[in-house]
Amino acid sequence: MEHWRKTFLREWRKHRGRSLEDVAPRMGISNAQLSRIERGLQPYSQRVLEVAAEVYGTTVPDLLVRRPGDESAAIFHLSGDRRA
C-alpha cells in the first residue's frame, strides 16, 4: 500500500474539536476520503489544504509541518507575525 507525505491534518482537526462529518463536506470530499488523507493513504489536494487551514484557523504550511501548540516549529511570516 502506498503512503503519502505526512501531514498534521488529523491533529489540527482534533485540536479544534471538529469531526470528520463536520469538516469533510466543506472540503468537498467524503468522511472516508478525509480519513484516508489524514492517515497518509490518499493524496491531498491544494484545495483540501486551503479549506482545512481556513476551518482550523491556521496556515497551509502549519498543516504540513507543525503540530498544534508546537511553538518551536511555528511559521514566521514576512510581516514578522507568528500564527499559532
Protein backbone atom coordinates (compact mmCIF):
# COMPACT_ATOMS: atom_id res chain seq x y z
CA MET A 1 0.00 0.00 0.00
CA GLU A 2 1.35 3.41 -0.99
CA HIS A 3 1.72 6.12 1.66
CA TRP A 4 1.72 9.84 1.00
CA ARG A 5 3.53 12.67 2.74
CA LYS A 6 2.74 13.03 6.45
CA THR A 7 0.55 15.95 7.45
CA PHE A 8 -0.85 17.16 10.74
CA LEU A 9 -4.42 17.43 9.42
CA ARG A 10 -5.86 14.99 11.96
CA GLU A 11 -4.05 16.66 14.85
CA TRP A 12 -5.32 20.11 13.82
CA ARG A 13 -8.89 18.80 13.34
CA LYS A 14 -8.94 17.22 16.79
CA HIS A 15 -7.23 20.26 18.34
CA ARG A 16 -10.09 22.42 17.05
CA GLY A 17 -12.70 19.91 18.26
CA ARG A 18 -14.04 19.18 14.78
CA SER A 19 -15.35 15.87 13.45
CA LEU A 20 -14.80 14.21 10.09
CA GLU A 21 -18.53 14.60 9.47
CA ASP A 22 -18.32 18.35 10.08
CA VAL A 23 -15.20 19.10 8.04
CA ALA A 24 -15.18 16.72 5.05
CA PRO A 25 -18.25 18.21 3.32
CA ARG A 26 -16.70 21.68 3.49
CA MET A 27 -13.69 20.24 1.67
CA GLY A 28 -15.88 18.65 -0.98
CA ILE A 29 -14.83 15.13 -0.04
CA SER A 30 -16.32 12.22 1.88
CA ASN A 31 -15.58 11.38 5.52
CA ALA A 32 -13.77 8.25 4.33
CA GLN A 33 -11.60 10.25 1.93
CA LEU A 34 -10.60 12.73 4.65
CA SER A 35 -9.78 9.85 6.98
CA ARG A 36 -7.55 8.27 4.31
CA ILE A 37 -5.83 11.61 3.66
CA GLU A 38 -5.22 12.11 7.38
CA ARG A 39 -3.67 8.63 7.61
CA GLY A 40 -1.46 9.17 4.57
CA LEU A 41 -3.29 6.56 2.48
CA GLN A 42 -4.60 9.00 -0.14
CA PRO A 43 -3.04 12.14 -1.62
CA TYR A 44 -4.39 15.55 -0.65
CA SER A 45 -5.10 18.46 -2.97
CA GLN A 46 -4.22 22.12 -2.57
CA ARG A 47 -7.94 22.85 -2.19
CA VAL A 48 -8.26 20.41 0.73
CA LEU A 49 -5.28 22.04 2.45
CA GLU A 50 -6.62 25.56 1.88
CA VAL A 51 -10.08 24.74 3.23
CA ALA A 52 -8.59 22.87 6.20
CA ALA A 53 -6.35 25.84 7.03
CA GLU A 54 -9.36 28.16 6.95
CA VAL A 55 -11.55 25.84 9.05
CA TYR A 56 -8.79 25.14 11.59
CA GLY A 57 -7.62 28.75 11.81
CA THR A 58 -4.04 28.10 10.72
CA THR A 59 -1.89 28.16 7.60
CA VAL A 60 -1.29 25.53 4.93
CA PRO A 61 2.41 25.29 5.87
CA ASP A 62 1.45 24.69 9.50
CA LEU A 63 -0.81 21.80 8.45
CA LEU A 64 2.19 20.20 6.77
CA VAL A 65 4.96 20.80 9.30
CA ARG A 66 3.62 21.68 12.75
CA ARG A 67 1.58 20.02 15.44
CA PRO A 68 -0.96 22.36 17.03
CA GLY A 69 0.56 24.12 20.02
CA ASP A 70 4.15 23.39 18.95
CA GLU A 71 5.57 26.90 19.10
CA SER A 72 9.10 25.70 18.35
CA ALA A 73 8.02 24.91 14.78
CA ALA A 74 5.79 27.96 14.26
CA ILE A 75 5.98 29.57 10.84
CA PHE A 76 7.29 33.12 10.77
CA HIS A 77 5.69 35.29 8.11
CA LEU A 78 7.26 38.21 6.25
CA SER A 79 5.30 40.63 8.38
CA GLY A 80 7.05 39.25 11.44
CA ASP A 81 3.82 37.84 12.84
CA ARG A 82 3.65 34.30 14.10
CA ARG A 83 0.48 32.24 13.76
CA ALA A 84 -0.24 29.74 16.48
